[in-house]
């Protein structure tokens, strides 16, 4: 399909605008927004990760419940420590391998556990009850730290987080024309 002269002129004008350095910061913000909104085409990997996560979780629940029942049977009643020990053994067996999926699950749980322990500390009186909602300060601190680590100590971050942040914050600073500004993240190789 041939491109008309008006469309060709419009593309030329847009591409010329995209190359002007004085608009680079604003355009980098727009491309960063676009990169955050576009879903990458990784359906197979997502499905495989979902299957692996579901399988591991099913096996974990089976192991956890079995070990809890076994401990209760052996000791004649249930104790709080049974839950911890059963989950500890199940975690070692089923989530102990250092893989991307297990890492993501463990980091997710770790953040939830920290929140819960802080709430428990307040409930038990070990931590004074805040007079204001600490969540805005917490989330600002988390985002400030993660972007500082990304910008200045990148290798310390988990590889999948590095990859996502590179896509969002670094790749959004680079484009050559409208195709890799709006349609694709990077220029397509020439044929």
N, C-alpha and C. Protein backbone atom coordinates (compact mmCIF):
# COMPACT_ATOMS: atom_id res chain seq x y z
N UNK A 1 0.85 -1.18 0.00
CA UNK A 1 0.00 0.00 0.00
C UNK A 1 0.90 1.24 0.00
N UNK A 2 0.69 2.10 -0.93
CA UNK A 2 1.50 3.31 -1.06
C UNK A 2 1.08 4.33 0.00
N UNK A 3 2.08 5.05 0.49
CA UNK A 3 1.82 6.10 1.47
C UNK A 3 1.66 7.40 0.72
N UNK A 4 0.55 8.11 1.02
CA UNK A 4 0.27 9.38 0.34
C UNK A 4 1.26 10.45 0.75
N UNK A 5 1.36 11.51 -0.07
CA UNK A 5 2.33 12.59 0.23
C UNK A 5 2.01 13.31 1.55
N UNK A 6 0.71 13.44 1.90
CA UNK A 6 0.39 14.12 3.16
C UNK A 6 0.84 13.30 4.36
N UNK A 7 0.61 11.97 4.30
CA UNK A 7 1.02 11.11 5.40
C UNK A 7 2.55 11.08 5.52
N UNK A 8 3.22 11.04 4.37
CA UNK A 8 4.68 11.06 4.36
C UNK A 8 5.20 12.36 4.97
N UNK A 9 4.58 13.47 4.65
CA UNK A 9 4.99 14.77 5.20
C UNK A 9 4.73 14.81 6.71
N UNK A 10 3.58 14.26 7.14
CA UNK A 10 3.27 14.22 8.57
C UNK A 10 4.30 13.37 9.32
N UNK A 11 4.62 12.21 8.80
CA UNK A 11 5.63 11.35 9.43
C UNK A 11 6.98 12.04 9.49
N UNK A 12 7.35 12.74 8.42
CA UNK A 12 8.61 13.47 8.40
C UNK A 12 8.61 14.55 9.49
N UNK A 13 7.49 15.28 9.63
CA UNK A 13 7.40 16.34 10.64
C UNK A 13 7.45 15.75 12.06
N UNK A 14 6.74 14.65 12.28
CA UNK A 14 6.76 14.02 13.61
C UNK A 14 8.15 13.51 13.94
N UNK A 15 8.80 12.86 12.99
CA UNK A 15 10.15 12.35 13.22
C UNK A 15 11.14 13.49 13.47
N UNK A 16 10.98 14.60 12.78
CA UNK A 16 11.85 15.77 13.01
C UNK A 16 11.64 16.30 14.43
N UNK A 17 10.39 16.35 14.89
CA UNK A 17 10.08 16.79 16.24
C UNK A 17 10.70 15.85 17.28
N UNK A 18 10.62 14.53 17.01
CA UNK A 18 11.17 13.55 17.94
C UNK A 18 12.68 13.64 18.07
N UNK A 19 13.35 14.20 17.09
CA UNK A 19 14.82 14.31 17.13
C UNK A 19 15.30 15.60 17.80
N UNK A 20 14.40 16.52 18.11
CA UNK A 20 14.81 17.79 18.73
C UNK A 20 15.17 17.56 20.19
N UNK A 21 16.38 17.94 20.56
CA UNK A 21 16.89 17.72 21.92
C UNK A 21 16.10 18.50 22.96
N UNK A 22 15.55 19.64 22.58
CA UNK A 22 14.87 20.45 23.60
C UNK A 22 13.59 19.80 24.11
N UNK A 23 13.04 18.86 23.35
CA UNK A 23 11.82 18.15 23.78
C UNK A 23 12.14 16.76 24.35
N UNK A 24 13.41 16.42 24.44
CA UNK A 24 13.80 15.06 24.82
C UNK A 24 13.23 14.64 26.18
N UNK A 25 13.33 15.48 27.20
CA UNK A 25 12.86 15.10 28.54
C UNK A 25 11.36 14.81 28.54
N UNK A 26 10.58 15.69 27.91
CA UNK A 26 9.12 15.49 27.87
C UNK A 26 8.77 14.24 27.05
N UNK A 27 9.46 14.05 25.93
CA UNK A 27 9.20 12.87 25.10
C UNK A 27 9.65 11.58 25.79
N UNK A 28 10.74 11.65 26.56
CA UNK A 28 11.18 10.47 27.32
C UNK A 28 10.12 10.10 28.36
N UNK A 29 9.47 11.09 28.95
CA UNK A 29 8.38 10.82 29.90
C UNK A 29 7.24 10.11 29.18
N UNK A 30 6.89 10.57 27.99
CA UNK A 30 5.81 9.93 27.23
C UNK A 30 6.15 8.50 26.83
N UNK A 31 7.40 8.30 26.37
CA UNK A 31 7.79 6.95 25.98
C UNK A 31 7.85 6.04 27.21
N UNK A 32 8.30 6.55 28.33
CA UNK A 32 8.29 5.77 29.57
C UNK A 32 6.89 5.37 29.97
N UNK A 33 5.93 6.28 29.80
CA UNK A 33 4.52 5.97 30.07
C UNK A 33 4.05 4.87 29.13
N UNK A 34 4.41 4.99 27.85
CA UNK A 34 4.04 3.98 26.86
C UNK A 34 4.63 2.63 27.21
N UNK A 35 5.91 2.61 27.61
CA UNK A 35 6.56 1.35 27.97
C UNK A 35 5.91 0.72 29.19
N UNK A 36 5.41 1.54 30.10
CA UNK A 36 4.71 1.02 31.28
C UNK A 36 3.35 0.46 30.95
N UNK A 37 2.73 0.95 29.90
CA UNK A 37 1.37 0.54 29.55
C UNK A 37 1.32 -0.62 28.56
N UNK A 38 2.39 -0.85 27.83
CA UNK A 38 2.39 -1.89 26.79
C UNK A 38 2.71 -3.24 27.42
N UNK A 39 1.91 -4.24 27.09
CA UNK A 39 2.19 -5.60 27.55
C UNK A 39 3.16 -6.26 26.61
N UNK A 40 4.22 -6.78 27.15
CA UNK A 40 5.19 -7.48 26.31
C UNK A 40 4.60 -8.83 25.89
N UNK A 41 5.04 -9.28 24.75
CA UNK A 41 4.50 -10.50 24.20
C UNK A 41 5.27 -11.71 24.72
N UNK A 42 4.94 -12.08 25.94
CA UNK A 42 5.63 -13.20 26.58
C UNK A 42 4.59 -14.20 27.11
N UNK A 43 3.57 -14.46 26.33
CA UNK A 43 2.47 -15.29 26.78
C UNK A 43 2.94 -16.69 27.18
N UNK A 44 3.79 -17.31 26.38
CA UNK A 44 4.26 -18.66 26.70
C UNK A 44 4.99 -18.69 28.04
N UNK A 45 5.86 -17.72 28.27
CA UNK A 45 6.60 -17.67 29.54
C UNK A 45 5.65 -17.45 30.72
N UNK A 46 4.64 -16.61 30.50
CA UNK A 46 3.67 -16.34 31.56
C UNK A 46 2.89 -17.61 31.89
N UNK A 47 2.46 -18.33 30.86
CA UNK A 47 1.72 -19.57 31.08
C UNK A 47 2.59 -20.61 31.77
N UNK A 48 3.84 -20.74 31.37
CA UNK A 48 4.75 -21.70 32.00
C UNK A 48 4.98 -21.33 33.46
N UNK A 49 5.20 -20.05 33.73
CA UNK A 49 5.41 -19.61 35.11
C UNK A 49 4.17 -19.86 35.96
N UNK A 50 2.99 -19.61 35.38
CA UNK A 50 1.73 -19.84 36.10
C UNK A 50 1.58 -21.32 36.43
N UNK A 51 1.89 -22.18 35.47
CA UNK A 51 1.80 -23.63 35.71
C UNK A 51 2.77 -24.05 36.81
N UNK A 52 4.02 -23.60 36.73
CA UNK A 52 5.02 -23.97 37.73
C UNK A 52 4.61 -23.48 39.11
N UNK A 53 4.14 -22.25 39.19
CA UNK A 53 3.70 -21.68 40.46
C UNK A 53 2.53 -22.49 41.03
N UNK A 54 1.55 -22.81 40.19
CA UNK A 54 0.38 -23.57 40.64
C UNK A 54 0.78 -24.96 41.12
N UNK A 55 1.64 -25.63 40.36
CA UNK A 55 2.09 -26.97 40.74
C UNK A 55 2.84 -26.94 42.07
N UNK A 56 3.78 -26.00 42.22
CA UNK A 56 4.54 -25.90 43.47
C UNK A 56 3.63 -25.56 44.64
N UNK A 57 2.68 -24.67 44.42
CA UNK A 57 1.77 -24.29 45.49
C UNK A 57 0.89 -25.47 45.91
N UNK A 58 0.39 -26.23 44.94
CA UNK A 58 -0.43 -27.40 45.25
C UNK A 58 0.38 -28.41 46.07
N UNK A 59 1.60 -28.67 45.66
CA UNK A 59 2.46 -29.62 46.39
C UNK A 59 2.81 -29.08 47.78
N UNK A 60 2.99 -27.76 47.88
CA UNK A 60 3.29 -27.17 49.17
C UNK A 60 2.11 -27.35 50.13
N UNK A 61 0.90 -27.05 49.66
CA UNK A 61 -0.28 -27.19 50.51
C UNK A 61 -0.43 -28.64 50.99
N UNK A 62 -0.24 -29.58 50.08
CA UNK A 62 -0.31 -31.00 50.41
C UNK A 62 0.72 -31.35 51.50
N UNK A 63 1.96 -30.91 51.30
CA UNK A 63 3.04 -31.18 52.25
C UNK A 63 2.76 -30.52 53.59
N UNK A 64 2.37 -29.25 53.56
CA UNK A 64 2.11 -28.49 54.79
C UNK A 64 1.00 -29.16 55.62
N UNK A 65 -0.11 -29.44 54.98
CA UNK A 65 -1.23 -30.05 55.71
C UNK A 65 -0.86 -31.43 56.24
N UNK A 66 -0.11 -32.20 55.44
CA UNK A 66 0.32 -33.52 55.90
C UNK A 66 1.24 -33.44 57.10
N UNK A 67 2.21 -32.52 57.07
CA UNK A 67 3.14 -32.38 58.19
C UNK A 67 2.45 -31.83 59.43
N UNK A 68 1.50 -30.94 59.26
CA UNK A 68 0.73 -30.44 60.42
C UNK A 68 -0.05 -31.58 61.06
N UNK A 69 -0.72 -32.38 60.23
CA UNK A 69 -1.50 -33.51 60.74
C UNK A 69 -0.60 -34.52 61.43
N UNK A 70 0.56 -34.79 60.84
CA UNK A 70 1.49 -35.75 61.43
C UNK A 70 1.97 -35.28 62.80
N UNK A 71 2.34 -34.01 62.91
CA UNK A 71 2.80 -33.48 64.20
C UNK A 71 1.70 -33.53 65.26
N UNK A 72 0.49 -33.16 64.86
CA UNK A 72 -0.64 -33.19 65.80
C UNK A 72 -0.90 -34.63 66.26
N UNK A 73 -0.81 -35.56 65.32
CA UNK A 73 -1.04 -36.97 65.66
C UNK A 73 0.04 -37.48 66.63
N UNK A 74 1.30 -37.16 66.36
CA UNK A 74 2.41 -37.63 67.19
C UNK A 74 2.35 -37.02 68.58
N UNK A 75 2.02 -35.73 68.68
CA UNK A 75 2.02 -35.04 69.97
C UNK A 75 0.66 -35.03 70.65
N UNK A 76 -0.35 -35.52 69.97
CA UNK A 76 -1.67 -35.62 70.59
C UNK A 76 -2.50 -34.35 70.56
N UNK A 77 -1.94 -33.26 70.18
CA UNK A 77 -2.67 -32.00 70.01
C UNK A 77 -1.88 -31.06 69.12
N UNK A 78 -2.49 -29.93 68.78
CA UNK A 78 -1.88 -28.97 67.85
C UNK A 78 -1.23 -27.83 68.63
N UNK A 79 -0.01 -27.46 68.22
CA UNK A 79 0.72 -26.33 68.79
C UNK A 79 1.04 -25.34 67.67
N UNK A 80 1.24 -24.07 68.04
CA UNK A 80 1.56 -23.05 67.05
C UNK A 80 2.83 -23.37 66.27
N UNK A 81 3.79 -23.95 66.91
CA UNK A 81 5.06 -24.26 66.26
C UNK A 81 4.88 -25.27 65.14
N UNK A 82 3.84 -26.09 65.19
CA UNK A 82 3.61 -27.06 64.12
C UNK A 82 3.45 -26.37 62.77
N UNK A 83 2.71 -25.29 62.77
CA UNK A 83 2.48 -24.54 61.53
C UNK A 83 3.81 -24.04 60.97
N UNK A 84 4.64 -23.44 61.83
CA UNK A 84 5.92 -22.93 61.39
C UNK A 84 6.80 -24.05 60.84
N UNK A 85 6.92 -25.15 61.60
CA UNK A 85 7.81 -26.25 61.18
C UNK A 85 7.34 -26.89 59.87
N UNK A 86 6.05 -27.12 59.74
CA UNK A 86 5.52 -27.72 58.51
C UNK A 86 5.77 -26.81 57.31
N UNK A 87 5.54 -25.52 57.48
CA UNK A 87 5.77 -24.57 56.39
C UNK A 87 7.26 -24.42 56.08
N UNK A 88 8.09 -24.47 57.11
CA UNK A 88 9.54 -24.38 56.92
C UNK A 88 10.03 -25.55 56.07
N UNK A 89 9.63 -26.75 56.42
CA UNK A 89 10.05 -27.93 55.66
C UNK A 89 9.48 -27.88 54.24
N UNK A 90 8.19 -27.54 54.11
CA UNK A 90 7.57 -27.43 52.79
C UNK A 90 8.24 -26.37 51.94
N UNK A 91 8.59 -25.25 52.55
CA UNK A 91 9.28 -24.18 51.83
C UNK A 91 10.64 -24.61 51.33
N UNK A 92 11.39 -25.31 52.20
CA UNK A 92 12.70 -25.82 51.78
C UNK A 92 12.57 -26.79 50.61
N UNK A 93 11.61 -27.71 50.71
CA UNK A 93 11.46 -28.75 49.69
C UNK A 93 10.93 -28.21 48.36
N UNK A 94 9.94 -27.33 48.43
CA UNK A 94 9.23 -26.95 47.20
C UNK A 94 9.61 -25.58 46.66
N UNK A 95 10.10 -24.70 47.49
CA UNK A 95 10.46 -23.36 47.02
C UNK A 95 11.92 -23.04 47.30
N UNK A 96 12.71 -24.05 47.69
CA UNK A 96 14.10 -23.83 48.07
C UNK A 96 15.05 -23.65 46.89
N UNK A 97 14.65 -24.09 45.70
CA UNK A 97 15.50 -23.90 44.53
C UNK A 97 15.51 -22.44 44.12
N UNK A 98 16.68 -21.89 43.86
CA UNK A 98 16.80 -20.47 43.53
C UNK A 98 16.45 -20.24 42.06
N UNK A 99 15.17 -20.11 41.78
CA UNK A 99 14.69 -19.85 40.42
C UNK A 99 13.97 -18.50 40.41
N UNK A 100 13.70 -18.00 39.22
CA UNK A 100 13.00 -16.72 39.12
C UNK A 100 11.63 -16.77 39.79
N UNK A 101 10.91 -17.85 39.57
CA UNK A 101 9.56 -17.97 40.14
C UNK A 101 9.63 -18.04 41.67
N UNK A 102 10.50 -18.91 42.19
CA UNK A 102 10.62 -19.03 43.64
C UNK A 102 11.11 -17.73 44.28
N UNK A 103 11.99 -17.04 43.60
CA UNK A 103 12.48 -15.76 44.10
C UNK A 103 11.35 -14.74 44.19
N UNK A 104 10.55 -14.66 43.13
CA UNK A 104 9.42 -13.71 43.12
C UNK A 104 8.43 -14.03 44.24
N UNK A 105 8.11 -15.31 44.40
CA UNK A 105 7.16 -15.72 45.44
C UNK A 105 7.71 -15.39 46.82
N UNK A 106 8.98 -15.71 47.05
CA UNK A 106 9.57 -15.45 48.36
C UNK A 106 9.65 -13.96 48.67
N UNK A 107 10.00 -13.15 47.68
CA UNK A 107 10.04 -11.70 47.92
C UNK A 107 8.65 -11.14 48.21
N UNK A 108 7.66 -11.64 47.48
CA UNK A 108 6.27 -11.23 47.72
C UNK A 108 5.87 -11.58 49.16
N UNK A 109 6.13 -12.83 49.55
CA UNK A 109 5.77 -13.25 50.91
C UNK A 109 6.57 -12.49 51.96
N UNK A 110 7.84 -12.23 51.69
CA UNK A 110 8.68 -11.51 52.65
C UNK A 110 8.09 -10.13 52.95
N UNK A 111 7.67 -9.42 51.92
CA UNK A 111 7.10 -8.09 52.15
C UNK A 111 5.80 -8.20 52.95
N UNK A 112 4.98 -9.20 52.67
CA UNK A 112 3.74 -9.39 53.43
C UNK A 112 4.02 -9.77 54.88
N UNK A 113 5.04 -10.60 55.10
CA UNK A 113 5.41 -11.01 56.45
C UNK A 113 5.90 -9.80 57.25
N UNK A 114 6.72 -8.95 56.63
CA UNK A 114 7.20 -7.76 57.34
C UNK A 114 6.05 -6.85 57.76
N UNK A 115 5.09 -6.65 56.86
CA UNK A 115 3.91 -5.85 57.20
C UNK A 115 3.17 -6.48 58.37
N UNK A 116 2.96 -7.80 58.29
CA UNK A 116 2.21 -8.49 59.34
C UNK A 116 2.94 -8.43 60.68
N UNK A 117 4.27 -8.60 60.66
CA UNK A 117 5.03 -8.54 61.91
C UNK A 117 4.98 -7.14 62.53
N UNK A 118 4.99 -6.12 61.69
CA UNK A 118 4.84 -4.75 62.22
C UNK A 118 3.47 -4.57 62.86
N UNK A 119 2.43 -5.06 62.21
CA UNK A 119 1.08 -4.96 62.78
C UNK A 119 0.99 -5.75 64.09
N UNK A 120 1.59 -6.95 64.11
CA UNK A 120 1.59 -7.76 65.32
C UNK A 120 2.35 -7.04 66.43
N UNK A 121 3.47 -6.42 66.08
CA UNK A 121 4.23 -5.65 67.07
C UNK A 121 3.41 -4.53 67.68
N UNK A 122 2.58 -3.87 66.87
CA UNK A 122 1.70 -2.81 67.38
C UNK A 122 0.63 -3.42 68.27
N UNK A 123 0.00 -4.51 67.79
CA UNK A 123 -1.06 -5.16 68.57
C UNK A 123 -0.56 -5.65 69.93
N UNK A 124 0.66 -6.17 69.97
CA UNK A 124 1.23 -6.71 71.20
C UNK A 124 1.88 -5.64 72.07
N UNK A 125 1.96 -4.40 71.57
CA UNK A 125 2.51 -3.30 72.34
C UNK A 125 4.02 -3.15 72.26
N UNK A 126 4.68 -3.90 71.38
CA UNK A 126 6.13 -3.78 71.23
C UNK A 126 6.50 -2.55 70.39
N UNK A 127 5.61 -2.15 69.53
CA UNK A 127 5.81 -0.98 68.67
C UNK A 127 4.68 0.00 68.99
N UNK A 128 4.99 1.27 69.23
CA UNK A 128 3.91 2.22 69.52
C UNK A 128 3.01 2.41 68.29
N UNK A 129 1.72 2.55 68.55
CA UNK A 129 0.77 2.75 67.46
C UNK A 129 1.03 4.11 66.82
N UNK A 130 1.20 4.14 65.49
CA UNK A 130 1.45 5.42 64.81
C UNK A 130 0.26 6.37 64.96
N UNK A 131 0.57 7.66 65.06
CA UNK A 131 -0.50 8.66 65.16
C UNK A 131 -1.01 9.07 63.79
N UNK A 132 -0.32 8.66 62.75
CA UNK A 132 -0.70 8.97 61.37
C UNK A 132 -0.42 7.73 60.53
N UNK A 133 -0.98 7.69 59.35
CA UNK A 133 -0.81 6.54 58.46
C UNK A 133 0.62 6.53 57.91
N UNK A 134 1.43 5.53 58.26
CA UNK A 134 2.82 5.51 57.79
C UNK A 134 2.98 5.01 56.35
N UNK A 135 1.89 4.55 55.72
CA UNK A 135 2.02 3.96 54.39
C UNK A 135 2.60 4.91 53.35
N UNK A 136 2.15 6.17 53.26
CA UNK A 136 2.76 7.06 52.25
C UNK A 136 4.28 7.22 52.44
N UNK A 137 4.73 7.31 53.66
CA UNK A 137 6.17 7.41 53.91
C UNK A 137 6.88 6.12 53.52
N UNK A 138 6.27 4.98 53.86
CA UNK A 138 6.83 3.68 53.51
C UNK A 138 6.96 3.53 52.00
N UNK A 139 5.90 3.81 51.26
CA UNK A 139 5.93 3.61 49.81
C UNK A 139 6.90 4.59 49.14
N UNK A 140 6.97 5.81 49.65
CA UNK A 140 7.95 6.76 49.12
C UNK A 140 9.37 6.27 49.35
N UNK A 141 9.63 5.72 50.53
CA UNK A 141 10.94 5.19 50.85
C UNK A 141 11.29 4.01 49.95
N UNK A 142 10.33 3.08 49.73
CA UNK A 142 10.57 1.92 48.87
C UNK A 142 10.90 2.37 47.45
N UNK A 143 10.08 3.27 46.89
CA UNK A 143 10.32 3.73 45.51
C UNK A 143 11.61 4.53 45.41
N UNK A 144 11.89 5.35 46.41
CA UNK A 144 13.15 6.10 46.40
C UNK A 144 14.35 5.17 46.42
N UNK A 145 14.31 4.15 47.26
CA UNK A 145 15.42 3.21 47.36
C UNK A 145 15.59 2.38 46.09
N UNK A 146 14.48 1.90 45.53
CA UNK A 146 14.61 1.03 44.36
C UNK A 146 15.15 1.80 43.15
N UNK A 147 14.72 3.05 42.97
CA UNK A 147 15.26 3.82 41.84
C UNK A 147 16.69 4.25 42.08
N UNK A 148 17.05 4.52 43.32
CA UNK A 148 18.45 4.83 43.64
C UNK A 148 19.32 3.61 43.37
N UNK A 149 18.87 2.44 43.82
CA UNK A 149 19.62 1.21 43.55
C UNK A 149 19.73 0.96 42.04
N UNK A 150 18.63 1.18 41.33
CA UNK A 150 18.66 0.96 39.88
C UNK A 150 19.64 1.90 39.19
N UNK A 151 19.63 3.15 39.55
CA UNK A 151 20.48 4.14 38.89
C UNK A 151 21.96 4.00 39.27
N UNK A 152 22.25 3.60 40.51
CA UNK A 152 23.64 3.65 40.98
C UNK A 152 24.23 2.31 41.44
N UNK A 153 23.39 1.33 41.68
CA UNK A 153 23.87 0.02 42.13
C UNK A 153 23.05 -1.09 41.49
N UNK A 154 22.86 -1.01 40.21
CA UNK A 154 21.98 -1.90 39.45
C UNK A 154 22.22 -3.38 39.68
N UNK A 155 23.47 -3.84 39.72
CA UNK A 155 23.70 -5.29 39.86
C UNK A 155 23.15 -5.88 41.17
N UNK A 156 22.86 -5.04 42.16
CA UNK A 156 22.34 -5.56 43.42
C UNK A 156 20.87 -5.96 43.30
N UNK A 157 20.18 -5.48 42.29
CA UNK A 157 18.76 -5.80 42.11
C UNK A 157 18.61 -7.14 41.39
N UNK A 158 17.50 -7.80 41.66
CA UNK A 158 17.20 -9.06 41.01
C UNK A 158 17.12 -8.84 39.49
N UNK A 159 17.60 -9.79 38.68
CA UNK A 159 17.65 -9.61 37.23
C UNK A 159 16.30 -9.25 36.59
N UNK A 160 15.21 -9.86 37.01
CA UNK A 160 13.92 -9.52 36.39
C UNK A 160 13.50 -8.08 36.72
N UNK A 161 13.85 -7.62 37.92
CA UNK A 161 13.55 -6.23 38.28
C UNK A 161 14.44 -5.29 37.48
N UNK A 162 15.71 -5.64 37.32
CA UNK A 162 16.61 -4.84 36.49
C UNK A 162 16.05 -4.72 35.07
N UNK A 163 15.61 -5.84 34.53
CA UNK A 163 15.08 -5.85 33.16
C UNK A 163 13.84 -4.96 33.03
N UNK A 164 12.92 -5.09 33.97
CA UNK A 164 11.70 -4.27 33.93
C UNK A 164 12.04 -2.79 34.06
N UNK A 165 12.94 -2.47 34.96
CA UNK A 165 13.28 -1.07 35.18
C UNK A 165 14.08 -0.51 34.01
N UNK A 166 14.91 -1.32 33.38
CA UNK A 166 15.62 -0.87 32.18
C UNK A 166 14.61 -0.53 31.10
N UNK A 167 13.63 -1.38 30.91
CA UNK A 167 12.59 -1.16 29.91
C UNK A 167 11.82 0.13 30.19
N UNK A 168 11.48 0.35 31.46
CA UNK A 168 10.67 1.52 31.81
C UNK A 168 11.47 2.82 31.86
N UNK A 169 12.65 2.80 32.46
CA UNK A 169 13.36 4.04 32.76
C UNK A 169 14.54 4.34 31.85
N UNK A 170 15.15 3.32 31.27
CA UNK A 170 16.30 3.56 30.40
C UNK A 170 15.90 3.54 28.94
N UNK A 171 15.16 2.50 28.52
CA UNK A 171 14.75 2.41 27.12
C UNK A 171 13.86 3.58 26.71
N UNK A 172 13.16 4.17 27.67
CA UNK A 172 12.28 5.29 27.33
C UNK A 172 13.04 6.56 27.00
N UNK A 173 14.36 6.55 27.15
CA UNK A 173 15.18 7.71 26.80
C UNK A 173 15.70 7.65 25.37
N UNK A 174 15.44 6.54 24.66
CA UNK A 174 16.04 6.33 23.35
C UNK A 174 14.97 6.06 22.30
N UNK A 175 15.04 6.81 21.18
CA UNK A 175 14.19 6.57 20.02
C UNK A 175 14.83 7.23 18.82
N UNK A 176 14.44 6.78 17.65
CA UNK A 176 15.00 7.33 16.42
C UNK A 176 13.94 7.97 15.55
N UNK A 177 12.75 7.41 15.60
CA UNK A 177 11.63 7.95 14.83
C UNK A 177 10.34 7.46 15.48
N UNK A 178 9.23 7.71 14.83
CA UNK A 178 7.94 7.37 15.43
C UNK A 178 7.77 5.87 15.64
N UNK A 179 8.42 5.04 14.82
CA UNK A 179 8.25 3.59 14.97
C UNK A 179 8.77 3.09 16.31
N UNK A 180 9.96 3.55 16.74
CA UNK A 180 10.47 3.08 18.02
C UNK A 180 10.17 4.06 19.17
N UNK A 181 9.41 5.10 18.87
CA UNK A 181 8.90 5.96 19.94
C UNK A 181 7.54 5.47 20.40
N UNK A 182 6.70 5.10 19.44
CA UNK A 182 5.31 4.76 19.76
C UNK A 182 4.99 3.28 19.58
N UNK A 183 5.43 2.68 18.48
CA UNK A 183 5.00 1.33 18.16
C UNK A 183 5.87 0.25 18.81
N UNK A 184 7.18 0.40 18.74
CA UNK A 184 8.12 -0.60 19.25
C UNK A 184 9.01 0.07 20.29
N UNK A 185 9.57 -0.75 21.16
CA UNK A 185 10.48 -0.19 22.15
C UNK A 185 11.83 0.16 21.54
N UNK A 186 12.28 -0.67 20.61
CA UNK A 186 13.59 -0.43 19.98
C UNK A 186 13.41 -0.50 18.47
N UNK A 187 14.37 0.06 17.74
CA UNK A 187 14.32 0.04 16.29
C UNK A 187 14.31 -1.39 15.77
N UNK A 188 13.53 -1.61 14.74
CA UNK A 188 13.51 -2.92 14.10
C UNK A 188 14.75 -3.05 13.22
N UNK A 189 15.35 -4.24 13.16
CA UNK A 189 16.53 -4.38 12.30
C UNK A 189 16.16 -4.18 10.84
N UNK A 190 17.05 -3.56 10.10
CA UNK A 190 16.82 -3.33 8.67
C UNK A 190 16.92 -4.64 7.93
N UNK A 191 16.07 -4.80 6.90
CA UNK A 191 16.07 -6.04 6.13
C UNK A 191 16.94 -5.92 4.92
